[in-house]
Protein backbone atom coordinates (compact mmCIF):
# COMPACT_ATOMS: atom_id res chain seq x y z
CA UNK A 1 0.00 0.00 0.00
CA UNK A 2 2.83 2.40 0.84
CA UNK A 3 4.42 1.67 -2.52
CA UNK A 4 1.15 2.32 -4.37
CA UNK A 5 0.71 5.66 -2.58
CA UNK A 6 4.36 6.54 -3.09
CA UNK A 7 4.19 5.89 -6.82
CA UNK A 8 0.83 7.58 -7.38
CA UNK A 9 1.59 10.70 -5.35
CA UNK A 10 5.36 11.08 -5.64
CA UNK A 11 6.12 10.65 -1.94
CA UNK A 12 9.44 9.06 -1.03
CA UNK A 13 8.78 5.59 0.34
CA UNK A 14 11.05 6.16 3.34
CA UNK A 15 8.85 9.10 4.41
CA UNK A 16 5.64 7.09 4.24
CA UNK A 17 4.87 4.80 7.18
CA UNK A 18 1.89 2.50 7.82
CA UNK A 19 0.46 4.99 10.33
CA UNK A 20 1.20 8.12 8.29
CA UNK A 21 -1.81 10.46 8.22
CA UNK A 22 -2.08 11.20 4.51
CA UNK A 23 -4.17 14.32 5.08
CA UNK A 24 -2.39 15.69 8.14
CA UNK A 25 1.21 14.83 7.27
CA UNK A 26 1.22 15.06 3.49
CA UNK A 27 -1.60 17.51 2.82
CA UNK A 28 -3.70 15.13 0.74
CA UNK A 29 -6.95 16.71 -0.35
CA UNK A 30 -10.20 14.93 -1.15
CA UNK A 31 -9.17 14.45 -4.79
CA UNK A 32 -5.88 12.84 -3.74
CA UNK A 33 -7.73 10.38 -1.51
CA UNK A 34 -10.22 9.61 -4.27
CA UNK A 35 -7.31 8.87 -6.62
CA UNK A 36 -5.86 6.34 -4.16
CA UNK A 37 -9.28 4.81 -3.46
CA UNK A 38 -10.01 4.38 -7.18
CA UNK A 39 -6.64 2.69 -7.69
CA UNK A 40 -7.29 0.28 -4.81
CA UNK A 41 -10.80 -0.46 -6.07
CA UNK A 42 -9.46 -1.17 -9.53
CA UNK A 43 -6.62 -3.41 -8.37
CA UNK A 44 -8.73 -5.45 -5.97
CA UNK A 45 -12.07 -5.29 -7.82
CA UNK A 46 -14.11 -3.98 -4.94
CA UNK A 47 -16.00 -0.87 -3.94
CA UNK A 48 -14.93 1.21 -0.97
CA UNK A 49 -17.82 3.09 0.69
CA UNK A 50 -17.51 6.89 0.61
CA UNK A 51 -18.08 7.20 4.35
CA UNK A 52 -15.22 4.87 5.28
CA UNK A 53 -12.56 6.78 7.25
CA UNK A 54 -9.33 5.96 5.40
CA UNK A 55 -6.47 8.24 6.40
CA UNK A 56 -3.41 6.00 6.63
CA UNK A 57 -1.88 3.19 4.56
CA UNK A 58 -2.69 0.87 7.48
CA UNK A 59 -6.38 1.88 7.26
CA UNK A 60 -6.48 0.74 3.62
CA UNK A 61 -4.78 -2.57 4.41
CA UNK A 62 -7.09 -3.27 7.37
CA UNK A 63 -10.12 -2.65 5.15
CA UNK A 64 -8.77 -4.97 2.46
CA UNK A 65 -8.13 -7.71 5.01
CA UNK A 66 -11.76 -7.46 6.13
CA UNK A 67 -13.17 -7.49 2.59
CA UNK A 68 -11.12 -9.98 0.63
CA UNK A 69 -11.68 -13.68 1.17
CA UNK A 70 -8.74 -15.81 2.34
CA UNK A 71 -6.66 -16.97 -0.61
CA UNK A 72 -7.85 -14.09 -2.81
CA UNK A 73 -4.30 -13.27 -3.75
CA UNK A 74 -1.53 -11.23 -2.33
CA UNK A 75 -2.72 -8.49 -0.02
CA UNK A 76 -0.59 -5.37 0.20
CA UNK A 77 1.45 -4.66 3.25
CA UNK A 78 0.88 -1.32 4.94
C-alpha atoms as a PDB file:
ATOM      1  CA  UNK A   1       0.000   0.000   0.000  1.00  0.00           C
ATOM      2  CA  UNK A   2       2.825   2.404   0.840  1.00  0.00           C
ATOM      3  CA  UNK A   3       4.418   1.670  -2.516  1.00  0.00           C
ATOM      4  CA  UNK A   4       1.155   2.321  -4.370  1.00  0.00           C
ATOM      5  CA  UNK A   5       0.708   5.660  -2.583  1.00  0.00           C
ATOM      6  CA  UNK A   6       4.363   6.539  -3.088  1.00  0.00           C
ATOM      7  CA  UNK A   7       4.192   5.891  -6.819  1.00  0.00           C
ATOM      8  CA  UNK A   8       0.828   7.578  -7.383  1.00  0.00           C
ATOM      9  CA  UNK A   9       1.589  10.696  -5.348  1.00  0.00           C
ATOM     10  CA  UNK A  10       5.362  11.079  -5.635  1.00  0.00           C
ATOM     11  CA  UNK A  11       6.124  10.647  -1.939  1.00  0.00           C
ATOM     12  CA  UNK A  12       9.436   9.058  -1.029  1.00  0.00           C
ATOM     13  CA  UNK A  13       8.780   5.593   0.339  1.00  0.00           C
ATOM     14  CA  UNK A  14      11.053   6.159   3.343  1.00  0.00           C
ATOM     15  CA  UNK A  15       8.848   9.104   4.413  1.00  0.00           C
ATOM     16  CA  UNK A  16       5.642   7.087   4.236  1.00  0.00           C
ATOM     17  CA  UNK A  17       4.875   4.795   7.180  1.00  0.00           C
ATOM     18  CA  UNK A  18       1.890   2.497   7.825  1.00  0.00           C
ATOM     19  CA  UNK A  19       0.462   4.992  10.327  1.00  0.00           C
ATOM     20  CA  UNK A  20       1.205   8.123   8.293  1.00  0.00           C
ATOM     21  CA  UNK A  21      -1.807  10.456   8.220  1.00  0.00           C
ATOM     22  CA  UNK A  22      -2.079  11.204   4.505  1.00  0.00           C
ATOM     23  CA  UNK A  23      -4.169  14.317   5.076  1.00  0.00           C
ATOM     24  CA  UNK A  24      -2.392  15.693   8.137  1.00  0.00           C
ATOM     25  CA  UNK A  25       1.214  14.827   7.266  1.00  0.00           C
ATOM     26  CA  UNK A  26       1.221  15.057   3.485  1.00  0.00           C
ATOM     27  CA  UNK A  27      -1.597  17.513   2.821  1.00  0.00           C
ATOM     28  CA  UNK A  28      -3.699  15.134   0.737  1.00  0.00           C
ATOM     29  CA  UNK A  29      -6.947  16.711  -0.354  1.00  0.00           C
ATOM     30  CA  UNK A  30     -10.195  14.927  -1.153  1.00  0.00           C
ATOM     31  CA  UNK A  31      -9.173  14.451  -4.789  1.00  0.00           C
ATOM     32  CA  UNK A  32      -5.883  12.837  -3.737  1.00  0.00           C
ATOM     33  CA  UNK A  33      -7.734  10.384  -1.510  1.00  0.00           C
ATOM     34  CA  UNK A  34     -10.224   9.610  -4.275  1.00  0.00           C
ATOM     35  CA  UNK A  35      -7.315   8.869  -6.616  1.00  0.00           C
ATOM     36  CA  UNK A  36      -5.863   6.342  -4.157  1.00  0.00           C
ATOM     37  CA  UNK A  37      -9.280   4.807  -3.457  1.00  0.00           C
ATOM     38  CA  UNK A  38     -10.008   4.379  -7.175  1.00  0.00           C
ATOM     39  CA  UNK A  39      -6.644   2.693  -7.690  1.00  0.00           C
ATOM     40  CA  UNK A  40      -7.285   0.281  -4.808  1.00  0.00           C
ATOM     41  CA  UNK A  41     -10.802  -0.456  -6.069  1.00  0.00           C
ATOM     42  CA  UNK A  42      -9.463  -1.175  -9.533  1.00  0.00           C
ATOM     43  CA  UNK A  43      -6.616  -3.407  -8.367  1.00  0.00           C
ATOM     44  CA  UNK A  44      -8.734  -5.449  -5.974  1.00  0.00           C
ATOM     45  CA  UNK A  45     -12.071  -5.294  -7.825  1.00  0.00           C
ATOM     46  CA  UNK A  46     -14.109  -3.980  -4.936  1.00  0.00           C
ATOM     47  CA  UNK A  47     -15.999  -0.868  -3.941  1.00  0.00           C
ATOM     48  CA  UNK A  48     -14.935   1.207  -0.966  1.00  0.00           C
ATOM     49  CA  UNK A  49     -17.825   3.087   0.693  1.00  0.00           C
ATOM     50  CA  UNK A  50     -17.507   6.891   0.614  1.00  0.00           C
ATOM     51  CA  UNK A  51     -18.076   7.199   4.345  1.00  0.00           C
ATOM     52  CA  UNK A  52     -15.224   4.872   5.279  1.00  0.00           C
ATOM     53  CA  UNK A  53     -12.564   6.784   7.247  1.00  0.00           C
ATOM     54  CA  UNK A  54      -9.333   5.956   5.396  1.00  0.00           C
ATOM     55  CA  UNK A  55      -6.465   8.241   6.403  1.00  0.00           C
ATOM     56  CA  UNK A  56      -3.410   5.996   6.627  1.00  0.00           C
ATOM     57  CA  UNK A  57      -1.881   3.188   4.560  1.00  0.00           C
ATOM     58  CA  UNK A  58      -2.687   0.868   7.481  1.00  0.00           C
ATOM     59  CA  UNK A  59      -6.384   1.879   7.256  1.00  0.00           C
ATOM     60  CA  UNK A  60      -6.477   0.738   3.624  1.00  0.00           C
ATOM     61  CA  UNK A  61      -4.783  -2.569   4.415  1.00  0.00           C
ATOM     62  CA  UNK A  62      -7.094  -3.266   7.369  1.00  0.00           C
ATOM     63  CA  UNK A  63     -10.122  -2.647   5.146  1.00  0.00           C
ATOM     64  CA  UNK A  64      -8.772  -4.968   2.457  1.00  0.00           C
ATOM     65  CA  UNK A  65      -8.127  -7.712   5.011  1.00  0.00           C
ATOM     66  CA  UNK A  66     -11.761  -7.460   6.132  1.00  0.00           C
ATOM     67  CA  UNK A  67     -13.167  -7.491   2.593  1.00  0.00           C
ATOM     68  CA  UNK A  68     -11.116  -9.975   0.627  1.00  0.00           C
ATOM     69  CA  UNK A  69     -11.681 -13.682   1.173  1.00  0.00           C
ATOM     70  CA  UNK A  70      -8.741 -15.814   2.335  1.00  0.00           C
ATOM     71  CA  UNK A  71      -6.662 -16.974  -0.606  1.00  0.00           C
ATOM     72  CA  UNK A  72      -7.847 -14.087  -2.810  1.00  0.00           C
ATOM     73  CA  UNK A  73      -4.300 -13.270  -3.750  1.00  0.00           C
ATOM     74  CA  UNK A  74      -1.534 -11.230  -2.326  1.00  0.00           C
ATOM     75  CA  UNK A  75      -2.718  -8.488  -0.020  1.00  0.00           C
ATOM     76  CA  UNK A  76      -0.593  -5.372   0.195  1.00  0.00           C
ATOM     77  CA  UNK A  77       1.450  -4.663   3.253  1.00  0.00           C
ATOM     78  CA  UNK A  78       0.885  -1.320   4.936  1.00  0.00           C
END
